[in-house]
Structures are given as structure tokens and as C-alpha cells.
């Protein structure tokens, strides 16, 4: 990194969640924390800095970026802005479907960034987003900056998970939700997986 305003920390414990938490701890010396994976990038670091300045000026705690997913066959936008705004307005929707994206989709004020729950697997990222969006000041700045993610399904963390539907449903029971809210979320989760099966 050529810009001395950006701190780059190469961190590798062999465990993705522990890596994220180590970086969050390291980033406490800075104003913002952004977790960028090895297969993701932005074209212009200056634009990233400018977006942080804009978010800072409006007192935002969270910046949400656009994620562009590139695979061998196509390039697509992960989710539209209105979907992200819906998730920010009603964060529990994230437990049904992750409308924000991987941790690289958000940049968070370091003092507000909470550690990821190491007891979760499938919902680990959205559970963190939920806490960020429901605790205290949750002012969000929606950035037009696009983060490119290179999709490599063979080597992804998700590719190594089996019975994702069961993991998803079981982890909902570990969330600090009202029993009726959890039941409703599980109802829609089951419908989601049924639709996926029908469309295959």
C-alpha cells in the first residue's frame, strides 16, 4: 500500500473468524476498519478514503459498499441498493438472506466494530451486522464505491460446508431473538430452501 493513511495487516491463523477478530482488535488504533479478503479489491484507494471522509462528515457508523461478484462465466451485482436499505431498516431480514454481503461489504468505525461470534458458521457475518444495526447509533452511509469479489466456489469457506439448511436453522436458535420472531424467520428460511430445490 503506497498511501500511508491506510494500514495493511496480513493476518493468518487458519480460521477466518479469528482472523476477522484479530484485525478488528488491530484496527482500534484507526478510525475505520474494513475487512478485505484476499480475493477482493477496489480499483482506487483514494476513492475509498474519500468515502470514509464523507461518511465521517455525516456522523455515520457504518459504510455499506456495492459488491460485484466475478465468476468464470459472468459478473453480477450481489444485491441492489433498495435491498440493502431494506436490510438496514429491518435487520432481522438478514437472518433469512444476507442482503449486504461478506464483511468486505461494510466499513465500520473501529470503536463500534464488535467481534464476530466464533460459535456461528453460516450466520456469523449477518449476526454481527444485526448487532451493529440494532445497538445504539446506527447511522449508515450507502457508498457507490464498488468492491470486486472473485468468486472461487471450490476454495470458498461455503464450499466446505455440508447440510447448509440444517446449519442455518440450528444457528437461528442460538440468536438472541424472541421465540416468535425466531419461528417466523425459520418459516421463511424453509421456504427459501424449498424454492431453491424447485428451481434446480
N, C-alpha and C. Protein backbone atom coordinates (compact mmCIF):
# COMPACT_ATOMS: atom_id res chain seq x y z
N UNK A 1 0.85 -1.18 0.00
CA UNK A 1 0.00 0.00 0.00
C UNK A 1 0.89 1.23 0.00
N UNK A 2 0.68 2.13 -0.96
CA UNK A 2 1.54 3.29 -1.10
C UNK A 2 1.05 4.48 -0.29
N UNK A 3 -0.21 4.47 0.14
CA UNK A 3 -0.79 5.58 0.88
C UNK A 3 -0.62 5.32 2.37
N UNK A 4 0.11 6.22 3.07
CA UNK A 4 0.39 5.98 4.48
C UNK A 4 -0.82 6.21 5.39
N UNK A 5 -1.96 6.63 4.80
CA UNK A 5 -3.19 6.77 5.58
C UNK A 5 -3.90 5.43 5.73
N UNK A 6 -3.43 4.44 4.97
CA UNK A 6 -4.05 3.12 5.01
C UNK A 6 -3.11 2.13 5.69
N UNK A 7 -3.63 1.43 6.70
CA UNK A 7 -2.84 0.41 7.38
C UNK A 7 -3.18 -0.95 6.79
N UNK A 8 -2.17 -1.70 6.42
CA UNK A 8 -2.38 -3.04 5.86
C UNK A 8 -1.78 -4.06 6.81
N UNK A 9 -2.60 -5.00 7.24
CA UNK A 9 -2.14 -6.04 8.16
C UNK A 9 -2.41 -7.40 7.55
N UNK A 10 -1.35 -8.16 7.29
CA UNK A 10 -1.53 -9.52 6.77
C UNK A 10 -1.63 -10.45 7.96
N UNK A 11 -2.75 -11.15 8.03
CA UNK A 11 -3.05 -11.92 9.22
C UNK A 11 -3.50 -13.31 8.82
N UNK A 12 -2.97 -14.34 9.44
CA UNK A 12 -3.38 -15.69 9.06
C UNK A 12 -3.30 -16.67 10.21
N UNK A 13 -4.45 -17.07 10.74
CA UNK A 13 -4.49 -18.03 11.84
C UNK A 13 -5.00 -19.38 11.36
N UNK A 14 -5.50 -19.42 10.10
CA UNK A 14 -6.11 -20.64 9.61
C UNK A 14 -7.59 -20.71 9.89
N UNK A 15 -8.10 -19.71 10.62
CA UNK A 15 -9.52 -19.64 10.96
C UNK A 15 -10.03 -18.26 10.57
N UNK A 16 -10.99 -18.22 9.65
CA UNK A 16 -11.47 -16.95 9.12
C UNK A 16 -12.04 -16.03 10.20
N UNK A 17 -12.84 -16.58 11.09
CA UNK A 17 -13.48 -15.75 12.12
C UNK A 17 -12.43 -15.18 13.06
N UNK A 18 -11.45 -15.98 13.45
CA UNK A 18 -10.38 -15.48 14.32
C UNK A 18 -9.55 -14.43 13.60
N UNK A 19 -9.34 -14.61 12.31
CA UNK A 19 -8.64 -13.60 11.52
C UNK A 19 -9.38 -12.27 11.57
N UNK A 20 -10.70 -12.31 11.35
CA UNK A 20 -11.50 -11.08 11.39
C UNK A 20 -11.38 -10.40 12.74
N UNK A 21 -11.50 -11.17 13.82
CA UNK A 21 -11.45 -10.59 15.16
C UNK A 21 -10.08 -10.02 15.48
N UNK A 22 -9.03 -10.66 14.99
CA UNK A 22 -7.68 -10.13 15.20
C UNK A 22 -7.51 -8.78 14.51
N UNK A 23 -8.05 -8.67 13.30
CA UNK A 23 -7.93 -7.41 12.55
C UNK A 23 -8.75 -6.31 13.22
N UNK A 24 -9.94 -6.65 13.73
CA UNK A 24 -10.76 -5.66 14.44
C UNK A 24 -10.00 -5.13 15.65
N UNK A 25 -9.33 -6.01 16.37
CA UNK A 25 -8.53 -5.59 17.52
C UNK A 25 -7.36 -4.70 17.08
N UNK A 26 -6.69 -5.10 16.00
CA UNK A 26 -5.57 -4.33 15.47
C UNK A 26 -6.02 -2.93 15.04
N UNK A 27 -7.24 -2.85 14.48
CA UNK A 27 -7.74 -1.60 13.88
C UNK A 27 -8.19 -0.58 14.91
N UNK A 28 -8.15 -0.91 16.20
CA UNK A 28 -8.60 0.04 17.20
C UNK A 28 -7.76 1.32 17.22
N UNK A 29 -6.57 1.26 16.63
CA UNK A 29 -5.71 2.44 16.58
C UNK A 29 -6.14 3.40 15.47
N UNK A 30 -7.07 2.96 14.61
CA UNK A 30 -7.50 3.79 13.48
C UNK A 30 -8.96 4.18 13.64
N UNK A 31 -9.46 5.04 12.75
CA UNK A 31 -10.84 5.50 12.84
C UNK A 31 -11.81 4.50 12.23
N UNK A 32 -11.41 3.88 11.11
CA UNK A 32 -12.29 2.94 10.40
C UNK A 32 -11.63 1.57 10.27
N UNK A 33 -12.46 0.55 10.20
CA UNK A 33 -11.96 -0.81 10.00
C UNK A 33 -12.70 -1.44 8.83
N UNK A 34 -11.94 -2.00 7.90
CA UNK A 34 -12.52 -2.64 6.72
C UNK A 34 -11.83 -3.98 6.52
N UNK A 35 -12.59 -5.06 6.54
CA UNK A 35 -12.03 -6.40 6.37
C UNK A 35 -12.07 -6.78 4.90
N UNK A 36 -10.92 -6.84 4.29
CA UNK A 36 -10.82 -7.15 2.87
C UNK A 36 -10.20 -8.53 2.69
N UNK A 37 -10.89 -9.39 1.95
CA UNK A 37 -10.38 -10.74 1.72
C UNK A 37 -9.33 -10.76 0.61
N UNK A 38 -8.60 -11.85 0.51
CA UNK A 38 -7.51 -11.96 -0.46
C UNK A 38 -8.00 -11.90 -1.90
N UNK A 39 -9.27 -12.23 -2.12
CA UNK A 39 -9.80 -12.28 -3.48
C UNK A 39 -10.76 -11.13 -3.77
N UNK A 40 -10.57 -10.01 -3.05
CA UNK A 40 -11.42 -8.84 -3.23
C UNK A 40 -10.56 -7.58 -3.34
N UNK A 41 -11.08 -6.57 -4.04
CA UNK A 41 -10.28 -5.36 -4.22
C UNK A 41 -11.16 -4.18 -4.65
N UNK A 42 -10.62 -2.98 -4.48
CA UNK A 42 -11.21 -1.77 -5.05
C UNK A 42 -10.19 -1.22 -6.03
N UNK A 43 -10.66 -0.52 -7.04
CA UNK A 43 -9.76 -0.02 -8.08
C UNK A 43 -8.97 1.20 -7.62
N UNK A 44 -9.50 1.94 -6.64
CA UNK A 44 -8.88 3.20 -6.28
C UNK A 44 -8.94 3.41 -4.77
N UNK A 45 -7.79 3.36 -4.10
CA UNK A 45 -7.74 3.55 -2.65
C UNK A 45 -8.15 4.96 -2.27
N UNK A 46 -7.85 5.94 -3.12
CA UNK A 46 -8.24 7.33 -2.83
C UNK A 46 -9.76 7.47 -2.73
N UNK A 47 -10.48 6.76 -3.61
CA UNK A 47 -11.94 6.79 -3.56
C UNK A 47 -12.44 6.21 -2.24
N UNK A 48 -11.80 5.16 -1.79
CA UNK A 48 -12.16 4.55 -0.50
C UNK A 48 -11.97 5.57 0.62
N UNK A 49 -10.85 6.26 0.61
CA UNK A 49 -10.57 7.28 1.63
C UNK A 49 -11.60 8.40 1.57
N UNK A 50 -11.94 8.85 0.35
CA UNK A 50 -12.92 9.93 0.18
C UNK A 50 -14.29 9.53 0.72
N UNK A 51 -14.67 8.26 0.52
CA UNK A 51 -15.96 7.78 1.02
C UNK A 51 -15.97 7.77 2.54
N UNK A 52 -14.85 7.43 3.14
CA UNK A 52 -14.75 7.46 4.61
C UNK A 52 -14.88 8.89 5.13
N UNK A 53 -14.30 9.84 4.42
CA UNK A 53 -14.40 11.25 4.82
C UNK A 53 -15.86 11.72 4.76
N UNK A 54 -16.56 11.33 3.68
CA UNK A 54 -17.98 11.71 3.54
C UNK A 54 -18.82 11.10 4.65
N UNK A 55 -18.57 9.83 4.93
CA UNK A 55 -19.33 9.15 5.99
C UNK A 55 -19.03 9.77 7.34
N UNK A 56 -17.78 10.15 7.56
CA UNK A 56 -17.36 10.76 8.81
C UNK A 56 -18.07 12.09 9.01
N UNK A 57 -18.22 12.84 7.92
CA UNK A 57 -18.85 14.17 7.98
C UNK A 57 -20.32 14.08 8.38
N UNK A 58 -20.99 13.00 8.01
CA UNK A 58 -22.40 12.85 8.37
C UNK A 58 -22.60 12.06 9.66
N UNK A 59 -21.49 11.72 10.30
CA UNK A 59 -21.58 11.01 11.58
C UNK A 59 -21.98 9.56 11.46
N UNK A 60 -21.72 8.96 10.30
CA UNK A 60 -22.10 7.56 10.08
C UNK A 60 -21.21 6.62 10.87
N UNK A 61 -21.78 5.50 11.25
CA UNK A 61 -21.03 4.47 11.96
C UNK A 61 -20.64 3.34 11.00
N UNK A 62 -21.44 3.18 9.96
CA UNK A 62 -21.24 2.07 9.02
C UNK A 62 -21.31 2.59 7.59
N UNK A 63 -20.39 2.12 6.76
CA UNK A 63 -20.44 2.37 5.32
C UNK A 63 -20.76 1.04 4.65
N UNK A 64 -21.73 1.06 3.75
CA UNK A 64 -22.07 -0.15 3.02
C UNK A 64 -21.73 0.03 1.54
N UNK A 65 -20.89 -0.86 1.03
CA UNK A 65 -20.45 -0.80 -0.36
C UNK A 65 -21.28 -1.71 -1.25
N UNK A 66 -21.17 -1.48 -2.54
CA UNK A 66 -21.72 -2.40 -3.53
C UNK A 66 -20.70 -3.52 -3.74
N UNK A 67 -21.18 -4.76 -3.83
CA UNK A 67 -20.30 -5.89 -4.11
C UNK A 67 -20.58 -6.39 -5.53
N UNK A 68 -19.53 -6.46 -6.33
CA UNK A 68 -19.63 -7.03 -7.67
C UNK A 68 -18.93 -8.38 -7.65
N UNK A 69 -19.66 -9.43 -7.94
CA UNK A 69 -19.12 -10.78 -7.91
C UNK A 69 -18.73 -11.21 -9.32
N UNK A 70 -17.47 -11.55 -9.49
CA UNK A 70 -16.96 -12.03 -10.77
C UNK A 70 -16.70 -13.54 -10.69
N UNK A 71 -17.31 -14.27 -11.61
CA UNK A 71 -17.05 -15.69 -11.69
C UNK A 71 -16.49 -15.99 -13.08
N UNK A 72 -16.26 -17.25 -13.36
CA UNK A 72 -15.72 -17.62 -14.66
C UNK A 72 -16.70 -17.34 -15.79
N UNK A 73 -17.98 -17.33 -15.46
CA UNK A 73 -19.00 -17.19 -16.51
C UNK A 73 -19.65 -15.82 -16.58
N UNK A 74 -19.67 -15.09 -15.46
CA UNK A 74 -20.37 -13.80 -15.50
C UNK A 74 -19.96 -12.89 -14.36
N UNK A 75 -20.40 -11.63 -14.46
CA UNK A 75 -20.19 -10.64 -13.41
C UNK A 75 -21.56 -10.13 -12.99
N UNK A 76 -21.82 -10.09 -11.68
CA UNK A 76 -23.14 -9.67 -11.23
C UNK A 76 -23.04 -8.86 -9.94
N UNK A 77 -24.03 -8.03 -9.74
CA UNK A 77 -24.14 -7.24 -8.52
C UNK A 77 -24.80 -8.10 -7.46
N UNK A 78 -24.25 -8.13 -6.25
CA UNK A 78 -24.76 -9.01 -5.21
C UNK A 78 -26.20 -8.69 -4.84
N UNK A 79 -26.50 -7.43 -4.55
CA UNK A 79 -27.87 -7.02 -4.26
C UNK A 79 -28.01 -5.53 -4.52
N UNK A 80 -29.21 -5.11 -4.87
CA UNK A 80 -29.48 -3.72 -5.20
C UNK A 80 -29.51 -2.84 -3.95
N UNK A 81 -29.34 -1.53 -4.18
CA UNK A 81 -29.32 -0.59 -3.06
C UNK A 81 -30.60 -0.65 -2.24
N UNK A 82 -31.75 -0.79 -2.89
CA UNK A 82 -33.00 -0.77 -2.14
C UNK A 82 -33.10 -2.00 -1.23
N UNK A 83 -32.46 -3.12 -1.64
CA UNK A 83 -32.45 -4.32 -0.81
C UNK A 83 -31.57 -4.10 0.43
N UNK A 84 -30.45 -3.42 0.24
CA UNK A 84 -29.57 -3.12 1.37
C UNK A 84 -30.27 -2.17 2.35
N UNK A 85 -30.98 -1.19 1.79
CA UNK A 85 -31.71 -0.24 2.65
C UNK A 85 -32.81 -0.95 3.44
N UNK A 86 -33.44 -1.93 2.81
CA UNK A 86 -34.47 -2.72 3.48
C UNK A 86 -33.85 -3.50 4.65
N UNK A 87 -32.67 -4.05 4.42
CA UNK A 87 -31.98 -4.81 5.47
C UNK A 87 -31.57 -3.91 6.63
N UNK A 88 -31.17 -2.68 6.32
CA UNK A 88 -30.79 -1.74 7.37
C UNK A 88 -32.01 -1.33 8.19
N UNK A 89 -33.14 -1.17 7.51
CA UNK A 89 -34.39 -0.78 8.18
C UNK A 89 -34.95 -1.92 9.03
N UNK A 90 -34.84 -3.15 8.51
CA UNK A 90 -35.34 -4.34 9.21
C UNK A 90 -34.22 -5.39 9.27
N UNK A 91 -33.27 -5.23 10.19
CA UNK A 91 -32.07 -6.09 10.23
C UNK A 91 -32.34 -7.58 10.37
N UNK A 92 -33.45 -7.96 10.98
CA UNK A 92 -33.72 -9.39 11.16
C UNK A 92 -33.91 -10.12 9.84
N UNK A 93 -34.20 -9.37 8.76
CA UNK A 93 -34.29 -9.97 7.42
C UNK A 93 -32.98 -10.66 7.05
N UNK A 94 -31.88 -10.15 7.58
CA UNK A 94 -30.57 -10.70 7.26
C UNK A 94 -30.43 -12.16 7.69
N UNK A 95 -31.20 -12.58 8.68
CA UNK A 95 -31.13 -13.96 9.13
C UNK A 95 -31.83 -14.92 8.15
N UNK A 96 -32.61 -14.34 7.25
CA UNK A 96 -33.24 -15.14 6.19
C UNK A 96 -32.34 -15.16 4.97
N UNK A 97 -31.86 -13.99 4.59
CA UNK A 97 -30.96 -13.89 3.43
C UNK A 97 -30.00 -12.73 3.64
N UNK A 98 -28.74 -12.95 3.37
CA UNK A 98 -27.72 -11.92 3.54
C UNK A 98 -27.78 -10.95 2.36
N UNK A 99 -28.44 -9.82 2.57
CA UNK A 99 -28.62 -8.82 1.51
C UNK A 99 -27.47 -7.82 1.47
N UNK A 100 -26.55 -7.91 2.43
CA UNK A 100 -25.42 -6.98 2.48
C UNK A 100 -24.18 -7.58 1.83
N UNK A 101 -23.86 -8.81 2.17
CA UNK A 101 -22.68 -9.46 1.58
C UNK A 101 -21.67 -9.85 2.63
N UNK A 102 -20.47 -10.17 2.18
CA UNK A 102 -19.39 -10.58 3.07
C UNK A 102 -18.90 -9.38 3.90
N UNK A 103 -18.06 -9.60 4.91
CA UNK A 103 -17.57 -8.48 5.73
C UNK A 103 -16.89 -7.36 4.93
N UNK A 104 -16.40 -7.65 3.74
CA UNK A 104 -15.79 -6.60 2.92
C UNK A 104 -16.82 -5.63 2.37
N UNK A 105 -18.12 -5.95 2.53
CA UNK A 105 -19.19 -5.07 2.05
C UNK A 105 -19.44 -3.92 3.01
N UNK A 106 -18.85 -3.98 4.20
CA UNK A 106 -19.04 -2.91 5.17
C UNK A 106 -17.71 -2.39 5.69
N UNK A 107 -17.70 -1.10 5.97
CA UNK A 107 -16.57 -0.46 6.64
C UNK A 107 -17.16 0.18 7.89
N UNK A 108 -16.57 -0.10 9.04
CA UNK A 108 -17.18 0.27 10.32
C UNK A 108 -16.22 1.12 11.15
N UNK A 109 -16.77 2.08 11.87
CA UNK A 109 -15.94 2.82 12.83
C UNK A 109 -15.33 1.82 13.81
N UNK A 110 -14.05 1.90 13.98
CA UNK A 110 -13.34 0.90 14.77
C UNK A 110 -13.89 0.76 16.19
N UNK A 111 -14.28 1.89 16.80
CA UNK A 111 -14.77 1.84 18.18
C UNK A 111 -16.13 1.14 18.27
N UNK A 112 -16.85 1.05 17.13
CA UNK A 112 -18.18 0.43 17.13
C UNK A 112 -18.16 -1.02 16.67
N UNK A 113 -17.05 -1.43 16.05
CA UNK A 113 -16.98 -2.78 15.48
C UNK A 113 -16.87 -3.82 16.58
N UNK A 114 -17.84 -4.73 16.63
CA UNK A 114 -17.83 -5.80 17.62
C UNK A 114 -17.20 -7.05 17.03
N UNK A 115 -16.65 -7.89 17.88
CA UNK A 115 -16.06 -9.13 17.41
C UNK A 115 -17.13 -10.07 16.86
N UNK A 116 -16.72 -10.88 15.90
CA UNK A 116 -17.62 -11.86 15.32
C UNK A 116 -17.77 -13.04 16.27
N UNK A 117 -18.97 -13.63 16.27
CA UNK A 117 -19.29 -14.74 17.16
C UNK A 117 -18.66 -16.03 16.62
N UNK A 118 -17.65 -16.53 17.29
CA UNK A 118 -16.92 -17.71 16.82
C UNK A 118 -17.73 -18.99 16.94
N UNK A 119 -18.88 -18.93 17.60
CA UNK A 119 -19.74 -20.11 17.75
C UNK A 119 -20.68 -20.30 16.57
N UNK A 120 -20.69 -19.33 15.67
CA UNK A 120 -21.56 -19.41 14.49
C UNK A 120 -20.72 -19.70 13.26
N UNK A 121 -21.37 -20.27 12.25
CA UNK A 121 -20.69 -20.58 11.00
C UNK A 121 -21.40 -19.89 9.82
N UNK A 122 -22.64 -20.28 9.58
CA UNK A 122 -23.38 -19.76 8.44
C UNK A 122 -23.88 -18.34 8.67
N UNK A 123 -24.25 -18.02 9.90
CA UNK A 123 -24.82 -16.70 10.21
C UNK A 123 -23.82 -15.76 10.87
N UNK A 124 -22.56 -16.12 10.85
CA UNK A 124 -21.56 -15.36 11.60
C UNK A 124 -21.48 -13.91 11.14
N UNK A 125 -21.56 -13.64 9.85
CA UNK A 125 -21.45 -12.27 9.37
C UNK A 125 -22.73 -11.47 9.63
N UNK A 126 -23.90 -12.06 9.30
CA UNK A 126 -25.15 -11.30 9.47
C UNK A 126 -25.50 -11.07 10.94
N UNK A 127 -25.07 -11.99 11.83
CA UNK A 127 -25.31 -11.77 13.26
C UNK A 127 -24.53 -10.54 13.73
N UNK A 128 -23.34 -10.35 13.18
CA UNK A 128 -22.55 -9.17 13.51
C UNK A 128 -23.21 -7.91 12.96
N UNK A 129 -23.69 -7.97 11.72
CA UNK A 129 -24.38 -6.82 11.13
C UNK A 129 -25.62 -6.46 11.96
N UNK A 130 -26.34 -7.48 12.40
CA UNK A 130 -27.56 -7.28 13.19
C UNK A 130 -27.23 -6.50 14.47
N UNK A 131 -26.16 -6.90 15.14
CA UNK A 131 -25.76 -6.19 16.37
C UNK A 131 -25.36 -4.75 16.07
N UNK A 132 -24.64 -4.56 14.97
CA UNK A 132 -24.23 -3.20 14.59
C UNK A 132 -25.43 -2.30 14.31
N UNK A 133 -26.43 -2.88 13.66
CA UNK A 133 -27.58 -2.09 13.22
C UNK A 133 -28.64 -1.89 14.29
N UNK A 134 -28.56 -2.64 15.37
CA UNK A 134 -29.61 -2.55 16.39
C UNK A 134 -29.11 -2.00 17.72
N UNK A 135 -27.83 -1.77 17.84
CA UNK A 135 -27.29 -1.27 19.10
C UNK A 135 -26.83 0.17 18.95
N UNK A 136 -27.51 1.07 19.66
CA UNK A 136 -27.10 2.47 19.67
C UNK A 136 -27.28 3.16 18.33
N UNK A 137 -26.42 4.13 18.07
CA UNK A 137 -26.50 4.91 16.84
C UNK A 137 -26.12 4.02 15.65
N UNK A 138 -27.03 3.89 14.71
CA UNK A 138 -26.76 3.01 13.57
C UNK A 138 -26.80 3.75 12.24
N UNK A 139 -26.34 5.01 12.27
CA UNK A 139 -26.33 5.80 11.04
C UNK A 139 -25.48 5.12 9.98
N UNK A 140 -26.08 4.95 8.80
CA UNK A 140 -25.41 4.23 7.71
C UNK A 140 -25.21 5.14 6.51
N UNK A 141 -24.03 5.06 5.93
CA UNK A 141 -23.73 5.77 4.69
C UNK A 141 -23.67 4.75 3.55
N UNK A 142 -24.52 4.92 2.56
CA UNK A 142 -24.55 4.00 1.42
C UNK A 142 -23.60 4.51 0.34
N UNK A 143 -22.52 3.80 0.16
CA UNK A 143 -21.48 4.22 -0.78
C UNK A 143 -21.74 3.66 -2.18
N UNK A 144 -21.34 4.44 -3.18
CA UNK A 144 -21.42 3.98 -4.56
C UNK A 144 -20.13 3.26 -4.98
N UNK A 145 -19.16 3.24 -4.07
CA UNK A 145 -17.90 2.54 -4.35
C UNK A 145 -18.16 1.04 -4.48
N UNK A 146 -17.61 0.45 -5.51
CA UNK A 146 -17.83 -0.98 -5.75
C UNK A 146 -16.60 -1.79 -5.37
N UNK A 147 -16.86 -2.85 -4.63
CA UNK A 147 -15.82 -3.80 -4.25
C UNK A 147 -15.98 -5.02 -5.13
N UNK A 148 -14.92 -5.41 -5.82
CA UNK A 148 -14.98 -6.58 -6.69
C UNK A 148 -14.54 -7.82 -5.92
N UNK A 149 -15.35 -8.87 -6.02
CA UNK A 149 -15.05 -10.14 -5.37
C UNK A 149 -14.91 -11.22 -6.43
N UNK A 150 -13.78 -11.93 -6.40
CA UNK A 150 -13.54 -13.01 -7.35
C UNK A 150 -14.11 -14.29 -6.78
N UNK A 151 -15.14 -14.81 -7.41
CA UNK A 151 -15.81 -15.99 -6.90
C UNK A 151 -15.04 -17.25 -7.27
N UNK A 152 -14.62 -17.96 -6.22
CA UNK A 152 -13.92 -19.23 -6.41
C UNK A 152 -14.65 -20.26 -5.54
N UNK A 153 -15.67 -20.85 -6.09
CA UNK A 153 -16.54 -21.74 -5.30
C UNK A 153 -15.80 -22.95 -4.75
N UNK A 154 -14.77 -23.43 -5.44
CA UNK A 154 -14.07 -24.64 -4.99
C UNK A 154 -13.31 -24.41 -3.69
N UNK A 155 -12.74 -23.21 -3.54
CA UNK A 155 -11.90 -22.95 -2.37
C UNK A 155 -12.55 -22.04 -1.33
N UNK A 156 -13.84 -21.74 -1.50
CA UNK A 156 -14.51 -20.86 -0.56
C UNK A 156 -14.86 -21.60 0.73
N UNK A 157 -15.09 -20.83 1.79
CA UNK A 157 -15.48 -21.42 3.07
C UNK A 157 -16.82 -22.14 2.92
N UNK A 158 -17.73 -21.52 2.18
CA UNK A 158 -19.06 -22.09 1.98
C UNK A 158 -18.99 -23.46 1.31
N UNK A 159 -18.03 -23.62 0.40
CA UNK A 159 -17.93 -24.88 -0.35
C UNK A 159 -17.64 -26.07 0.55
N UNK A 160 -17.04 -25.80 1.72
CA UNK A 160 -16.68 -26.87 2.63
C UNK A 160 -17.77 -27.21 3.64
N UNK A 161 -18.88 -26.47 3.57
CA UNK A 161 -19.98 -26.73 4.50
C UNK A 161 -20.97 -27.73 3.91
N UNK A 162 -21.42 -28.65 4.73
CA UNK A 162 -22.41 -29.63 4.33
C UNK A 162 -23.71 -29.36 5.09
N UNK A 163 -24.84 -29.71 4.46
CA UNK A 163 -26.15 -29.53 5.10
C UNK A 163 -26.35 -28.08 5.56
N UNK A 164 -26.15 -27.15 4.64
CA UNK A 164 -26.25 -25.73 4.97
C UNK A 164 -27.62 -25.37 5.55
N UNK A 165 -28.67 -25.96 4.99
CA UNK A 165 -30.02 -25.67 5.51
C UNK A 165 -30.12 -25.99 6.99
N UNK A 166 -29.62 -27.14 7.40
CA UNK A 166 -29.69 -27.54 8.82
C UNK A 166 -28.83 -26.63 9.70
N UNK A 167 -27.65 -26.26 9.20
CA UNK A 167 -26.78 -25.35 9.94
C UNK A 167 -27.49 -24.02 10.12
N UNK A 168 -28.09 -23.53 9.04
CA UNK A 168 -28.82 -22.25 9.06
C UNK A 168 -29.93 -22.28 10.11
N UNK A 169 -30.77 -23.31 10.08
CA UNK A 169 -31.89 -23.41 11.02
C UNK A 169 -31.42 -23.57 12.46
N UNK A 170 -30.39 -24.38 12.67
CA UNK A 170 -29.88 -24.60 14.03
C UNK A 170 -29.27 -23.34 14.63
N UNK A 171 -28.60 -22.54 13.79
CA UNK A 171 -27.95 -21.34 14.30
C UNK A 171 -28.95 -20.25 14.65
N UNK A 172 -30.12 -20.28 14.02
CA UNK A 172 -31.16 -19.31 14.38
C UNK A 172 -31.54 -19.46 15.84
N UNK A 173 -31.52 -20.71 16.34
CA UNK A 173 -31.84 -20.97 17.75
C UNK A 173 -30.80 -20.40 18.70
N UNK A 174 -29.61 -20.08 18.20
CA UNK A 174 -28.56 -19.53 19.05
C UNK A 174 -28.60 -18.00 19.11
N UNK A 175 -29.50 -17.41 18.33
CA UNK A 175 -29.56 -15.95 18.25
C UNK A 175 -30.43 -15.37 19.37
N UNK A 176 -30.12 -14.15 19.81
CA UNK A 176 -30.90 -13.50 20.88
C UNK A 176 -32.20 -12.92 20.35
N UNK A 177 -33.08 -13.79 19.86
CA UNK A 177 -34.34 -13.35 19.28
C UNK A 177 -35.51 -13.82 20.13
N UNK A 178 -36.62 -13.10 20.04
CA UNK A 178 -37.85 -13.55 20.69
C UNK A 178 -38.27 -14.85 20.02
N UNK A 179 -38.87 -15.77 20.80
CA UNK A 179 -39.20 -17.09 20.28
C UNK A 179 -40.09 -17.04 19.04
N UNK A 180 -41.04 -16.10 19.03
CA UNK A 180 -41.95 -16.00 17.88
C UNK A 180 -41.24 -15.41 16.66
N UNK A 181 -40.30 -14.51 16.92
CA UNK A 181 -39.50 -13.95 15.82
C UNK A 181 -38.63 -15.03 15.20
N UNK A 182 -38.03 -15.87 16.04
CA UNK A 182 -37.19 -16.96 15.54
C UNK A 182 -38.02 -17.95 14.72
N UNK A 183 -39.22 -18.26 15.19
CA UNK A 183 -40.09 -19.19 14.46
C UNK A 183 -40.47 -18.63 13.09
N UNK A 184 -40.76 -17.35 13.03
CA UNK A 184 -41.13 -16.72 11.76
C UNK A 184 -39.95 -16.73 10.78
N UNK A 185 -38.76 -16.43 11.29
CA UNK A 185 -37.56 -16.44 10.45
C UNK A 185 -37.31 -17.85 9.91
N UNK A 186 -37.45 -18.86 10.76
CA UNK A 186 -37.23 -20.24 10.33
C UNK A 186 -38.26 -20.66 9.28
N UNK A 187 -39.47 -20.16 9.41
CA UNK A 187 -40.51 -20.45 8.42
C UNK A 187 -40.09 -19.96 7.04
N UNK A 188 -39.59 -18.72 6.96
CA UNK A 188 -39.17 -18.17 5.67
C UNK A 188 -37.89 -18.81 5.17
N UNK A 189 -37.02 -19.21 6.08
CA UNK A 189 -35.79 -19.90 5.68
C UNK A 189 -36.14 -21.22 5.00
N UNK A 190 -37.09 -21.96 5.57
CA UNK A 190 -37.50 -23.23 4.96
C UNK A 190 -38.09 -23.01 3.58
N UNK A 191 -38.89 -21.97 3.43
CA UNK A 191 -39.47 -21.64 2.12
C UNK A 191 -38.36 -21.32 1.12
N UNK A 192 -37.34 -20.57 1.57
CA UNK A 192 -36.23 -20.20 0.69
C UNK A 192 -35.52 -21.43 0.14
N UNK A 193 -35.24 -22.39 1.01
CA UNK A 193 -34.53 -23.59 0.56
C UNK A 193 -35.43 -24.49 -0.30
N UNK A 194 -36.70 -24.47 -0.03
CA UNK A 194 -37.64 -25.24 -0.86
C UNK A 194 -37.69 -24.66 -2.27
N UNK A 195 -37.69 -23.35 -2.37
CA UNK A 195 -37.69 -22.70 -3.68
C UNK A 195 -36.40 -22.98 -4.43
N UNK A 196 -35.29 -22.96 -3.71
CA UNK A 196 -34.01 -23.28 -4.35
C UNK A 196 -34.02 -24.67 -4.92
N UNK A 197 -34.58 -25.62 -4.16
CA UNK A 197 -34.67 -27.00 -4.62
C UNK A 197 -35.54 -27.12 -5.85
N UNK A 198 -36.64 -26.39 -5.87
CA UNK A 198 -37.56 -26.45 -7.01
C UNK A 198 -36.95 -25.85 -8.27
N UNK A 199 -36.09 -24.85 -8.08
CA UNK A 199 -35.51 -24.16 -9.23
C UNK A 199 -34.25 -24.85 -9.79
N UNK A 200 -33.77 -25.84 -9.09
CA UNK A 200 -32.56 -26.53 -9.54
C UNK A 200 -32.86 -27.47 -10.70
